[in-house]
Every structure is written in C-alpha cells, then in structure tokens.
Amino acid sequence: MKVTIREWNAVAAWRWDMPDDDVCGICRNPYDSTCSKCKFPGDECPLLLGECNHSFHMKHCILSWLKQESSLEKCPMCRQPFKSKGQDATSAGAEQPLQAPDSSPI
C-alpha cells in the first residue's frame, strides 16, 4: 500500500517555561491561559516573576494588586516586598511598561 500526502499544515504551539500545574496566585488561571480580563495569552498577558520567585499575570493581576493601597506593595503569596527580578514593579508600572519575559519558542 502506498500513501501520498497531498497537503499538510504545520501548527505551532507555545507555553511559558513554568511547571504545568502552576496558576497565577491572584486570578487562579493557569499561566498558559490569560487572566480574567485579557482575551489572548502571550504578549497581551505576560508573566512577571518576582524576586521571591512567585509569578503572576502582569497586566491585570500583579500590577493591579500593587496599585491597591491595602497590598502595601507586597507579594500576595508570601507578603515580602514585591519586586520583579531586576526591576521595581511599582515604579515601572506607574511610569513605563515592564519588559515581558522572553517568549521565544521552545
């Protein structure tokens, strides 16, 4: 029996470099999906890793959390002062957007 492939379509997939069972500590959605306000995962809803090694969806989760007066600018998981690895999240969120993590394909 001879099989001939007439046409094929390539499909690409991406995922954050995080464990499969991890979810955002604020919205409780998986990192590979979006926060509750974003429509599409990826560049529209990047992750932000803190110096405490807790990760969150950046745009609507951790930056919104840090803007609340009651947060005291602390990580919602461990209550340590929240700073992104290499950058102060609160000052960056107020003045300029944070750099999204490298989302190159795996």
PDB file of N, CA and C in Angstrom:
ATOM      1  N   MET A   1       0.847  -1.164   0.000  1.00  0.00           N
ATOM      2  CA  MET A   1       0.000   0.000   0.000  1.00  0.00           C
ATOM      3  C   MET A   1       0.903   1.241   0.000  1.00  0.00           C
ATOM      4  N   LYS A   2       0.621   2.163  -0.864  1.00  0.00           N
ATOM      5  CA  LYS A   2       1.398   3.386  -0.978  1.00  0.00           C
ATOM      6  C   LYS A   2       0.523   4.563  -0.546  1.00  0.00           C
ATOM      7  N   VAL A   3       1.082   5.425   0.297  1.00  0.00           N
ATOM      8  CA  VAL A   3       0.358   6.594   0.788  1.00  0.00           C
ATOM      9  C   VAL A   3       1.034   7.844   0.235  1.00  0.00           C
ATOM     10  N   THR A   4       0.231   8.743  -0.281  1.00  0.00           N
ATOM     11  CA  THR A   4       0.746  10.007  -0.793  1.00  0.00           C
ATOM     12  C   THR A   4       0.117  11.152  -0.008  1.00  0.00           C
ATOM     13  N   ILE A   5       0.970  12.013   0.504  1.00  0.00           N
ATOM     14  CA  ILE A   5       0.476  13.189   1.226  1.00  0.00           C
ATOM     15  C   ILE A   5       0.343  14.315   0.215  1.00  0.00           C
ATOM     16  N   ARG A   6      -0.862  14.797   0.055  1.00  0.00           N
ATOM     17  CA  ARG A   6      -1.108  15.854  -0.926  1.00  0.00           C
ATOM     18  C   ARG A   6      -0.919  17.243  -0.337  1.00  0.00           C
ATOM     19  N   GLU A   7      -1.226  17.384   0.909  1.00  0.00           N
ATOM     20  CA  GLU A   7      -1.128  18.692   1.553  1.00  0.00           C
ATOM     21  C   GLU A   7      -0.958  18.494   3.050  1.00  0.00           C
ATOM     22  N   TRP A   8      -0.222  19.395   3.687  1.00  0.00           N
ATOM     23  CA  TRP A   8      -0.104  19.360   5.140  1.00  0.00           C
ATOM     24  C   TRP A   8       0.028  20.778   5.665  1.00  0.00           C
ATOM     25  N   ASN A   9      -0.414  20.970   6.882  1.00  0.00           N
ATOM     26  CA  ASN A   9      -0.369  22.282   7.532  1.00  0.00           C
ATOM     27  C   ASN A   9       0.399  22.150   8.842  1.00  0.00           C
ATOM     28  N   ALA A  10       1.376  22.998   9.025  1.00  0.00           N
ATOM     29  CA  ALA A  10       2.143  22.994  10.271  1.00  0.00           C
ATOM     30  C   ALA A  10       1.396  23.796  11.333  1.00  0.00           C
ATOM     31  N   VAL A  11       1.471  23.328  12.551  1.00  0.00           N
ATOM     32  CA  VAL A  11       0.840  24.009  13.674  1.00  0.00           C
ATOM     33  C   VAL A  11       1.908  24.239  14.733  1.00  0.00           C
ATOM     34  N   ALA A  12       1.994  25.452  15.220  1.00  0.00           N
ATOM     35  CA  ALA A  12       2.965  25.782  16.266  1.00  0.00           C
ATOM     36  C   ALA A  12       2.236  26.021  17.578  1.00  0.00           C
ATOM     37  N   ALA A  13       2.887  25.707  18.648  1.00  0.00           N
ATOM     38  CA  ALA A  13       2.334  25.942  19.977  1.00  0.00           C
ATOM     39  C   ALA A  13       3.430  26.530  20.852  1.00  0.00           C
ATOM     40  N   TRP A  14       3.032  27.295  21.848  1.00  0.00           N
ATOM     41  CA  TRP A  14       3.995  27.871  22.777  1.00  0.00           C
ATOM     42  C   TRP A  14       3.490  27.653  24.182  1.00  0.00           C
ATOM     43  N   ARG A  15       4.364  27.824  25.126  1.00  0.00           N
ATOM     44  CA  ARG A  15       3.980  27.783  26.529  1.00  0.00           C
ATOM     45  C   ARG A  15       5.042  28.496  27.342  1.00  0.00           C
ATOM     46  N   TRP A  16       4.651  29.021  28.482  1.00  0.00           N
ATOM     47  CA  TRP A  16       5.608  29.654  29.381  1.00  0.00           C
ATOM     48  C   TRP A  16       6.497  28.576  29.960  1.00  0.00           C
ATOM     49  N   ASP A  17       7.713  28.916  30.284  1.00  0.00           N
ATOM     50  CA  ASP A  17       8.658  27.973  30.862  1.00  0.00           C
ATOM     51  C   ASP A  17       8.396  27.864  32.368  1.00  0.00           C
ATOM     52  N   MET A  18       7.260  27.257  32.708  1.00  0.00           N
ATOM     53  CA  MET A  18       6.830  27.106  34.089  1.00  0.00           C
ATOM     54  C   MET A  18       6.296  25.685  34.257  1.00  0.00           C
ATOM     55  N   PRO A  19       6.253  25.182  35.491  1.00  0.00           N
ATOM     56  CA  PRO A  19       5.655  23.859  35.710  1.00  0.00           C
ATOM     57  C   PRO A  19       4.197  23.824  35.251  1.00  0.00           C
ATOM     58  N   ASP A  20       3.748  22.662  34.810  1.00  0.00           N
ATOM     59  CA  ASP A  20       2.405  22.518  34.240  1.00  0.00           C
ATOM     60  C   ASP A  20       1.281  22.860  35.210  1.00  0.00           C
ATOM     61  N   ASP A  21       1.475  22.598  36.493  1.00  0.00           N
ATOM     62  CA  ASP A  21       0.381  22.780  37.446  1.00  0.00           C
ATOM     63  C   ASP A  21       0.345  24.168  38.076  1.00  0.00           C
ATOM     64  N   ASP A  22       1.218  25.077  37.652  1.00  0.00           N
ATOM     65  CA  ASP A  22       1.241  26.404  38.258  1.00  0.00           C
ATOM     66  C   ASP A  22       0.126  27.290  37.728  1.00  0.00           C
ATOM     67  N   VAL A  23      -0.460  28.044  38.644  1.00  0.00           N
ATOM     68  CA  VAL A  23      -1.507  29.001  38.300  1.00  0.00           C
ATOM     69  C   VAL A  23      -1.148  30.348  38.917  1.00  0.00           C
ATOM     70  N   CYS A  24      -1.683  31.396  38.354  1.00  0.00           N
ATOM     71  CA  CYS A  24      -1.478  32.740  38.891  1.00  0.00           C
ATOM     72  C   CYS A  24      -2.085  32.796  40.295  1.00  0.00           C
ATOM     73  N   GLY A  25      -1.341  33.323  41.249  1.00  0.00           N
ATOM     74  CA  GLY A  25      -1.814  33.390  42.626  1.00  0.00           C
ATOM     75  C   GLY A  25      -2.934  34.385  42.845  1.00  0.00           C
ATOM     76  N   ILE A  26      -3.217  35.223  41.863  1.00  0.00           N
ATOM     77  CA  ILE A  26      -4.274  36.223  42.007  1.00  0.00           C
ATOM     78  C   ILE A  26      -5.553  35.773  41.313  1.00  0.00           C
ATOM     79  N   CYS A  27      -5.482  35.476  40.017  1.00  0.00           N
ATOM     80  CA  CYS A  27      -6.704  35.104  39.282  1.00  0.00           C
ATOM     81  C   CYS A  27      -6.946  33.592  39.272  1.00  0.00           C
ATOM     82  N   ARG A  28      -5.950  32.808  39.670  1.00  0.00           N
ATOM     83  CA  ARG A  28      -6.025  31.342  39.747  1.00  0.00           C
ATOM     84  C   ARG A  28      -6.172  30.675  38.383  1.00  0.00           C
ATOM     85  N   ASN A  29      -5.893  31.396  37.303  1.00  0.00           N
ATOM     86  CA  ASN A  29      -5.888  30.806  35.964  1.00  0.00           C
ATOM     87  C   ASN A  29      -4.491  30.288  35.661  1.00  0.00           C
ATOM     88  N   PRO A  30      -4.387  29.208  34.872  1.00  0.00           N
ATOM     89  CA  PRO A  30      -3.056  28.697  34.511  1.00  0.00           C
ATOM     90  C   PRO A  30      -2.247  29.759  33.777  1.00  0.00           C
ATOM     91  N   TYR A  31      -0.935  29.678  33.912  1.00  0.00           N
ATOM     92  CA  TYR A  31      -0.057  30.638  33.246  1.00  0.00           C
ATOM     93  C   TYR A  31      -0.193  30.583  31.730  1.00  0.00           C
ATOM     94  N   ASP A  32      -0.486  29.422  31.176  1.00  0.00           N
ATOM     95  CA  ASP A  32      -0.617  29.290  29.724  1.00  0.00           C
ATOM     96  C   ASP A  32      -1.896  29.907  29.191  1.00  0.00           C
ATOM     97  N   SER A  33      -2.845  30.209  30.069  1.00  0.00           N
ATOM     98  CA  SER A  33      -4.060  30.885  29.615  1.00  0.00           C
ATOM     99  C   SER A  33      -3.910  32.371  29.943  1.00  0.00           C
ATOM    100  N   THR A  34      -5.002  33.082  29.966  1.00  0.00           N
ATOM    101  CA  THR A  34      -4.946  34.515  30.242  1.00  0.00           C
ATOM    102  C   THR A  34      -5.525  34.813  31.612  1.00  0.00           C
ATOM    103  N   CYS A  35      -5.315  36.038  32.050  1.00  0.00           N
ATOM    104  CA  CYS A  35      -6.005  36.472  33.257  1.00  0.00           C
ATOM    105  C   CYS A  35      -7.485  36.650  32.891  1.00  0.00           C
ATOM    106  N   SER A  36      -8.301  36.990  33.848  1.00  0.00           N
ATOM    107  CA  SER A  36      -9.745  37.072  33.589  1.00  0.00           C
ATOM    108  C   SER A  36     -10.136  38.228  32.674  1.00  0.00           C
ATOM    109  N   LYS A  37      -9.251  39.207  32.456  1.00  0.00           N
ATOM    110  CA  LYS A  37      -9.602  40.362  31.631  1.00  0.00           C
ATOM    111  C   LYS A  37      -9.002  40.335  30.233  1.00  0.00           C
ATOM    112  N   CYS A  38      -7.954  39.559  30.003  1.00  0.00           N
ATOM    113  CA  CYS A  38      -7.310  39.520  28.685  1.00  0.00           C
ATOM    114  C   CYS A  38      -8.012  38.524  27.766  1.00  0.00           C
ATOM    115  N   LYS A  39      -7.952  38.789  26.477  1.00  0.00           N
ATOM    116  CA  LYS A  39      -8.601  37.911  25.506  1.00  0.00           C
ATOM    117  C   LYS A  39      -7.671  36.833  24.972  1.00  0.00           C
ATOM    118  N   PHE A  40      -6.377  37.141  24.863  1.00  0.00           N
ATOM    119  CA  PHE A  40      -5.437  36.210  24.258  1.00  0.00           C
ATOM    120  C   PHE A  40      -4.208  36.047  25.141  1.00  0.00           C
ATOM    121  N   PRO A  41      -3.679  34.818  25.280  1.00  0.00           N
ATOM    122  CA  PRO A  41      -2.447  34.628  26.050  1.00  0.00           C
ATOM    123  C   PRO A  41      -1.236  35.134  25.284  1.00  0.00           C
ATOM    124  N   GLY A  42      -0.121  35.190  25.951  1.00  0.00           N
ATOM    125  CA  GLY A  42       1.122  35.594  25.287  1.00  0.00           C
ATOM    126  C   GLY A  42       1.473  37.027  25.570  1.00  0.00           C
ATOM    127  N   ASP A  43       1.791  37.773  24.523  1.00  0.00           N
ATOM    128  CA  ASP A  43       2.243  39.151  24.691  1.00  0.00           C
ATOM    129  C   ASP A  43       1.183  40.047  25.320  1.00  0.00           C
ATOM    130  N   GLU A  44      -0.090  39.732  25.121  1.00  0.00           N
ATOM    131  CA  GLU A  44      -1.159  40.534  25.719  1.00  0.00           C
ATOM    132  C   GLU A  44      -1.271  40.294  27.222  1.00  0.00           C
ATOM    133  N   CYS A  45      -0.793  39.157  27.679  1.00  0.00           N
ATOM    134  CA  CYS A  45      -0.924  38.800  29.091  1.00  0.00           C
ATOM    135  C   CYS A  45       0.369  38.128  29.566  1.00  0.00           C
ATOM    136  N   PRO A  46       1.481  38.888  29.629  1.00  0.00           N
ATOM    137  CA  PRO A  46       2.765  38.282  30.005  1.00  0.00           C
ATOM    138  C   PRO A  46       2.831  37.950  31.490  1.00  0.00           C
ATOM    139  N   LEU A  47       3.789  37.140  31.837  1.00  0.00           N
ATOM    140  CA  LEU A  47       4.026  36.793  33.233  1.00  0.00           C
ATOM    141  C   LEU A  47       5.098  37.690  33.816  1.00  0.00           C
ATOM    142  N   LEU A  48       5.032  37.878  35.120  1.00  0.00           N
ATOM    143  CA  LEU A  48       6.049  38.647  35.824  1.00  0.00           C
ATOM    144  C   LEU A  48       6.537  37.799  36.989  1.00  0.00           C
ATOM    145  N   LEU A  49       7.833  37.546  37.032  1.00  0.00           N
ATOM    146  CA  LEU A  49       8.447  36.764  38.099  1.00  0.00           C
ATOM    147  C   LEU A  49       9.045  37.718  39.116  1.00  0.00           C
ATOM    148  N   GLY A  50       8.695  37.523  40.375  1.00  0.00           N
ATOM    149  CA  GLY A  50       9.216  38.372  41.433  1.00  0.00           C
ATOM    150  C   GLY A  50      10.508  37.826  42.009  1.00  0.00           C
ATOM    151  N   GLU A  51      11.221  38.674  42.745  1.00  0.00           N
ATOM    152  CA  GLU A  51      12.443  38.234  43.413  1.00  0.00           C
ATOM    153  C   GLU A  51      12.158  37.113  44.401  1.00  0.00           C
ATOM    154  N   CYS A  52      10.922  37.033  44.880  1.00  0.00           N
ATOM    155  CA  CYS A  52      10.519  35.971  45.804  1.00  0.00           C
ATOM    156  C   CYS A  52      10.206  34.667  45.067  1.00  0.00           C
ATOM    157  N   ASN A  53      10.344  34.661  43.748  1.00  0.00           N
ATOM    158  CA  ASN A  53      10.092  33.514  42.866  1.00  0.00           C
ATOM    159  C   ASN A  53       8.618  33.169  42.701  1.00  0.00           C
ATOM    160  N   HIS A  54       7.718  34.071  43.044  1.00  0.00           N
ATOM    161  CA  HIS A  54       6.303  33.890  42.734  1.00  0.00           C
ATOM    162  C   HIS A  54       6.017  34.601  41.422  1.00  0.00           C
ATOM    163  N   SER A  55       5.195  33.973  40.586  1.00  0.00           N
ATOM    164  CA  SER A  55       4.868  34.536  39.270  1.00  0.00           C
ATOM    165  C   SER A  55       3.390  34.865  39.190  1.00  0.00           C
ATOM    166  N   PHE A  56       3.083  35.890  38.410  1.00  0.00           N
ATOM    167  CA  PHE A  56       1.704  36.341  38.238  1.00  0.00           C
ATOM    168  C   PHE A  56       1.524  36.849  36.822  1.00  0.00           C
ATOM    169  N   HIS A  57       0.264  36.851  36.341  1.00  0.00           N
ATOM    170  CA  HIS A  57      -0.026  37.579  35.111  1.00  0.00           C
ATOM    171  C   HIS A  57       0.271  39.040  35.424  1.00  0.00           C
ATOM    172  N   MET A  58       0.951  39.715  34.531  1.00  0.00           N
ATOM    173  CA  MET A  58       1.445  41.047  34.858  1.00  0.00           C
ATOM    174  C   MET A  58       0.379  42.134  34.794  1.00  0.00           C
ATOM    175  N   LYS A  59      -0.252  42.277  33.654  1.00  0.00           N
ATOM    176  CA  LYS A  59      -1.051  43.466  33.362  1.00  0.00           C
ATOM    177  C   LYS A  59      -2.231  43.675  34.318  1.00  0.00           C
ATOM    178  N   HIS A  60      -3.102  42.692  34.439  1.00  0.00           N
ATOM    179  CA  HIS A  60      -4.315  42.876  35.237  1.00  0.00           C
ATOM    180  C   HIS A  60      -4.249  42.220  36.609  1.00  0.00           C
ATOM    181  N   CYS A  61      -3.213  41.456  36.864  1.00  0.00           N
ATOM    182  CA  CYS A  61      -3.144  40.777  38.162  1.00  0.00           C
ATOM    183  C   CYS A  61      -2.181  41.483  39.114  1.00  0.00           C
ATOM    184  N   ILE A  62      -0.874  41.295  38.929  1.00  0.00           N
ATOM    185  CA  ILE A  62       0.054  41.820  39.929  1.00  0.00           C
ATOM    186  C   ILE A  62       0.137  43.344  39.906  1.00  0.00           C
ATOM    187  N   LEU A  63       0.107  43.970  38.738  1.00  0.00           N
ATOM    188  CA  LEU A  63       0.173  45.440  38.732  1.00  0.00           C
ATOM    189  C   LEU A  63      -1.080  46.050  39.348  1.00  0.00           C
ATOM    190  N   SER A  64      -2.244  45.441  39.101  1.00  0.00           N
ATOM    191  CA  SER A  64      -3.477  45.920  39.746  1.00  0.00           C
ATOM    192  C   SER A  64      -3.406  45.708  41.254  1.00  0.00           C
ATOM    193  N   TRP A  65      -2.873  44.561  41.657  1.00  0.00           N
ATOM    194  CA  TRP A  65      -2.723  44.264  43.084  1.00  0.00           C
ATOM    195  C   TRP A  65      -1.820  45.295  43.761  1.00  0.00           C
ATOM    196  N   LEU A  66      -0.684  45.589  43.148  1.00  0.00           N
ATOM    197  CA  LEU A  66       0.278  46.506  43.754  1.00  0.00           C
ATOM    198  C   LEU A  66      -0.240  47.940  43.830  1.00  0.00           C
ATOM    199  N   LYS A  67      -1.177  48.300  42.952  1.00  0.00           N
ATOM    200  CA  LYS A  67      -1.749  49.653  42.975  1.00  0.00           C
ATOM    201  C   LYS A  67      -2.739  49.842  44.123  1.00  0.00           C
ATOM    202  N   GLN A  68      -3.257  48.740  44.676  1.00  0.00           N
ATOM    203  CA  GLN A  68      -4.194  48.841  45.790  1.00  0.00           C
ATOM    204  C   GLN A  68      -3.444  49.252  47.054  1.00  0.00           C
ATOM    205  N   GLU A  69      -3.999  50.180  47.768  1.00  0.00           N
ATOM    206  CA  GLU A  69      -3.354  50.656  48.991  1.00  0.00           C
ATOM    207  C   GLU A  69      -3.195  49.539  50.015  1.00  0.00           C
ATOM    208  N   SER A  70      -4.158  48.633  50.073  1.00  0.00           N
ATOM    209  CA  SER A  70      -4.121  47.555  51.058  1.00  0.00           C
ATOM    210  C   SER A  70      -3.036  46.513  50.785  1.00  0.00           C
ATOM    211  N   SER A  71      -2.487  46.490  49.567  1.00  0.00           N
ATOM    212  CA  SER A  71      -1.455  45.498  49.251  1.00  0.00           C
ATOM    213  C   SER A  71      -0.135  45.801  49.946  1.00  0.00           C
ATOM    214  N   LEU A  72       0.074  47.065  50.295  1.00  0.00           N
ATOM    215  CA  LEU A  72       1.327  47.516  50.902  1.00  0.00           C
ATOM    216  C   LEU A  72       2.525  47.159  50.029  1.00  0.00           C
ATOM    217  N   GLU A  73       2.278  47.019  48.722  1.00  0.00           N
ATOM    218  CA  GLU A  73       3.299  46.677  47.728  1.00  0.00           C
ATOM    219  C   GLU A  73       4.025  45.384  48.069  1.00  0.00           C
ATOM    220  N   LYS A  74       3.276  44.411  48.603  1.00  0.00           N
ATOM    221  CA  LYS A  74       3.852  43.121  48.985  1.00  0.00           C
ATOM    222  C   LYS A  74       3.281  42.011  48.122  1.00  0.00           C
ATOM    223  N   CYS A  75       4.059  40.949  47.978  1.00  0.00           N
ATOM    224  CA  CYS A  75       3.622  39.774  47.227  1.00  0.00           C
ATOM    225  C   CYS A  75       2.385  39.187  47.905  1.00  0.00           C
ATOM    226  N   PRO A  76       1.332  38.887  47.151  1.00  0.00           N
ATOM    227  CA  PRO A  76       0.129  38.325  47.770  1.00  0.00           C
ATOM    228  C   PRO A  76       0.320  36.896  48.283  1.00  0.00           C
ATOM    229  N   MET A  77       1.393  36.239  47.881  1.00  0.00           N
ATOM    230  CA  MET A  77       1.629  34.861  48.303  1.00  0.00           C
ATOM    231  C   MET A  77       2.473  34.780  49.584  1.00  0.00           C
ATOM    232  N   CYS A  78       3.562  35.550  49.646  1.00  0.00           N
ATOM    233  CA  CYS A  78       4.481  35.422  50.780  1.00  0.00           C
ATOM    234  C   CYS A  78       4.591  36.690  51.623  1.00  0.00           C
ATOM    235  N   ARG A  79       3.957  37.777  51.182  1.00  0.00           N
ATOM    236  CA  ARG A  79       3.923  39.067  51.879  1.00  0.00           C
ATOM    237  C   ARG A  79       5.297  39.735  51.991  1.00  0.00           C
ATOM    238  N   GLN A  80       6.251  39.322  51.173  1.00  0.00           N
ATOM    239  CA  GLN A  80       7.533  40.021  51.079  1.00  0.00           C
ATOM    240  C   GLN A  80       7.342  41.223  50.164  1.00  0.00           C
ATOM    241  N   PRO A  81       8.142  42.283  50.314  1.00  0.00           N
ATOM    242  CA  PRO A  81       8.036  43.402  49.368  1.00  0.00           C
ATOM    243  C   PRO A  81       8.207  42.881  47.943  1.00  0.00           C
ATOM    244  N   PHE A  82       7.265  43.194  47.056  1.00  0.00           N
ATOM    245  CA  PHE A  82       7.307  42.635  45.703  1.00  0.00           C
ATOM    246  C   PHE A  82       8.145  43.497  44.779  1.00  0.00           C
ATOM    247  N   LYS A  83       9.142  42.878  44.209  1.00  0.00           N
ATOM    248  CA  LYS A  83       9.951  43.493  43.162  1.00  0.00           C
ATOM    249  C   LYS A  83      10.156  42.435  42.098  1.00  0.00           C
ATOM    250  N   SER A  84      10.022  42.841  40.853  1.00  0.00           N
ATOM    251  CA  SER A  84      10.288  41.887  39.787  1.00  0.00           C
ATOM    252  C   SER A  84      11.783  41.647  39.736  1.00  0.00           C
ATOM    253  N   LYS A  85      12.164  40.511  39.219  1.00  0.00           N
ATOM    254  CA  LYS A  85      13.591  40.215  39.115  1.00  0.00           C
ATOM    255  C   LYS A  85      14.248  41.255  38.234  1.00  0.00           C
ATOM    256  N   GLY A  86      15.064  42.109  38.831  1.00  0.00           N
ATOM    257  CA  GLY A  86      15.819  43.102  38.085  1.00  0.00           C
ATOM    258  C   GLY A  86      15.146  44.451  37.917  1.00  0.00           C
ATOM    259  N   GLN A  87      13.903  44.626  38.429  1.00  0.00           N
ATOM    260  CA  GLN A  87      13.213  45.901  38.231  1.00  0.00           C
ATOM    261  C   GLN A  87      12.158  46.089  39.304  1.00  0.00           C
ATOM    262  N   ASP A  88      11.980  47.311  39.790  1.00  0.00           N
ATOM    263  CA  ASP A  88      10.943  47.629  40.766  1.00  0.00           C
ATOM    264  C   ASP A  88       9.604  47.691  40.047  1.00  0.00           C
ATOM    265  N   ALA A  89       8.687  46.787  40.369  1.00  0.00           N
ATOM    266  CA  ALA A  89       7.423  46.662  39.635  1.00  0.00           C
ATOM    267  C   ALA A  89       6.526  47.875  39.803  1.00  0.00           C
ATOM    268  N   THR A  90       6.459  48.451  40.998  1.00  0.00           N
ATOM    269  CA  THR A  90       5.517  49.552  41.197  1.00  0.00           C
ATOM    270  C   THR A  90       5.958  50.810  40.471  1.00  0.00           C
ATOM    271  N   SER A  91       7.224  51.144  40.527  1.00  0.00           N
ATOM    272  CA  SER A  91       7.663  52.350  39.828  1.00  0.00           C
ATOM    273  C   SER A  91       7.618  52.146  38.329  1.00  0.00           C
ATOM    274  N   ALA A  92       7.923  50.936  37.862  1.00  0.00           N
ATOM    275  CA  ALA A  92       7.877  50.672  36.425  1.00  0.00           C
ATOM    276  C   ALA A  92       6.443  50.686  35.926  1.00  0.00           C
ATOM    277  N   GLY A  93       5.506  50.163  36.730  1.00  0.00           N
ATOM    278  CA  GLY A  93       4.119  50.130  36.300  1.00  0.00           C
ATOM    279  C   GLY A  93       3.509  51.509  36.209  1.00  0.00           C
ATOM    280  N   ALA A  94       3.979  52.428  37.030  1.00  0.00           N
ATOM    281  CA  ALA A  94       3.428  53.774  37.015  1.00  0.00           C
ATOM    282  C   ALA A  94       4.002  54.623  35.880  1.00  0.00           C
ATOM    283  N   GLU A  95       5.242  54.395  35.533  1.00  0.00           N
ATOM    284  CA  GLU A  95       5.919  55.252  34.566  1.00  0.00           C
ATOM    285  C   GLU A  95       6.042  54.620  33.181  1.00  0.00           C
ATOM    286  N   GLN A  96       6.446  53.351  33.138  1.00  0.00           N
ATOM    287  CA  GLN A  96       6.719  52.701  31.865  1.00  0.00           C
ATOM    288  C   GLN A  96       6.368  51.225  31.971  1.00  0.00           C
ATOM    289  N   PRO A  97       6.062  50.564  30.876  1.00  0.00           N
ATOM    290  CA  PRO A  97       5.714  49.145  30.943  1.00  0.00           C
ATOM    291  C   PRO A  97       6.928  48.301  31.287  1.00  0.00           C
ATOM    292  N   LEU A  98       6.684  47.212  32.022  1.00  0.00           N
ATOM    293  CA  LEU A  98       7.751  46.274  32.334  1.00  0.00           C
ATOM    294  C   LEU A  98       8.088  45.456  31.103  1.00  0.00           C
ATOM    295  N   GLN A  99       9.281  44.938  31.058  1.00  0.00           N
ATOM    296  CA  GLN A  99       9.683  44.081  29.953  1.00  0.00           C
ATOM    297  C   GLN A  99       9.071  42.706  30.165  1.00  0.00           C
ATOM    298  N   ALA A 100       8.399  42.193  29.172  1.00  0.00           N
ATOM    299  CA  ALA A 100       7.832  40.855  29.241  1.00  0.00           C
ATOM    300  C   ALA A 100       8.958  39.841  29.182  1.00  0.00           C
ATOM    301  N   PRO A 101       8.774  38.669  29.814  1.00  0.00           N
ATOM    302  CA  PRO A 101       9.802  37.644  29.736  1.00  0.00           C
ATOM    303  C   PRO A 101       9.988  37.169  28.306  1.00  0.00           C
ATOM    304  N   ASP A 102      11.131  36.572  28.044  1.00  0.00           N
ATOM    305  CA  ASP A 102      11.428  36.066  26.710  1.00  0.00           C
ATOM    306  C   ASP A 102      10.401  35.007  26.346  1.00  0.00           C
ATOM    307  N   SER A 103       9.669  35.220  25.281  1.00  0.00           N
ATOM    308  CA  SER A 103       8.636  34.260  24.871  1.00  0.00           C
ATOM    309  C   SER A 103       9.039  33.551  23.591  1.00  0.00           C
ATOM    310  N   SER A 104      10.333  33.280  23.461  1.00  0.00           N
ATOM    311  CA  SER A 104      10.798  32.585  22.268  1.00  0.00           C
ATOM    312  C   SER A 104      10.280  31.153  22.268  1.00  0.00           C
ATOM    313  N   PRO A 105      10.073  30.570  21.111  1.00  0.00           N
ATOM    314  CA  PRO A 105       9.527  29.217  21.039  1.00  0.00           C
ATOM    315  C   PRO A 105      10.487  28.201  21.632  1.00  0.00           C
ATOM    316  N   ILE A 106       9.908  27.119  22.163  1.00  0.00           N
ATOM    317  CA  ILE A 106      10.732  26.060  22.745  1.00  0.00           C
ATOM    318  C   ILE A 106      11.036  24.992  21.739  1.00  0.00           C
TER     319      ILE A 106
END
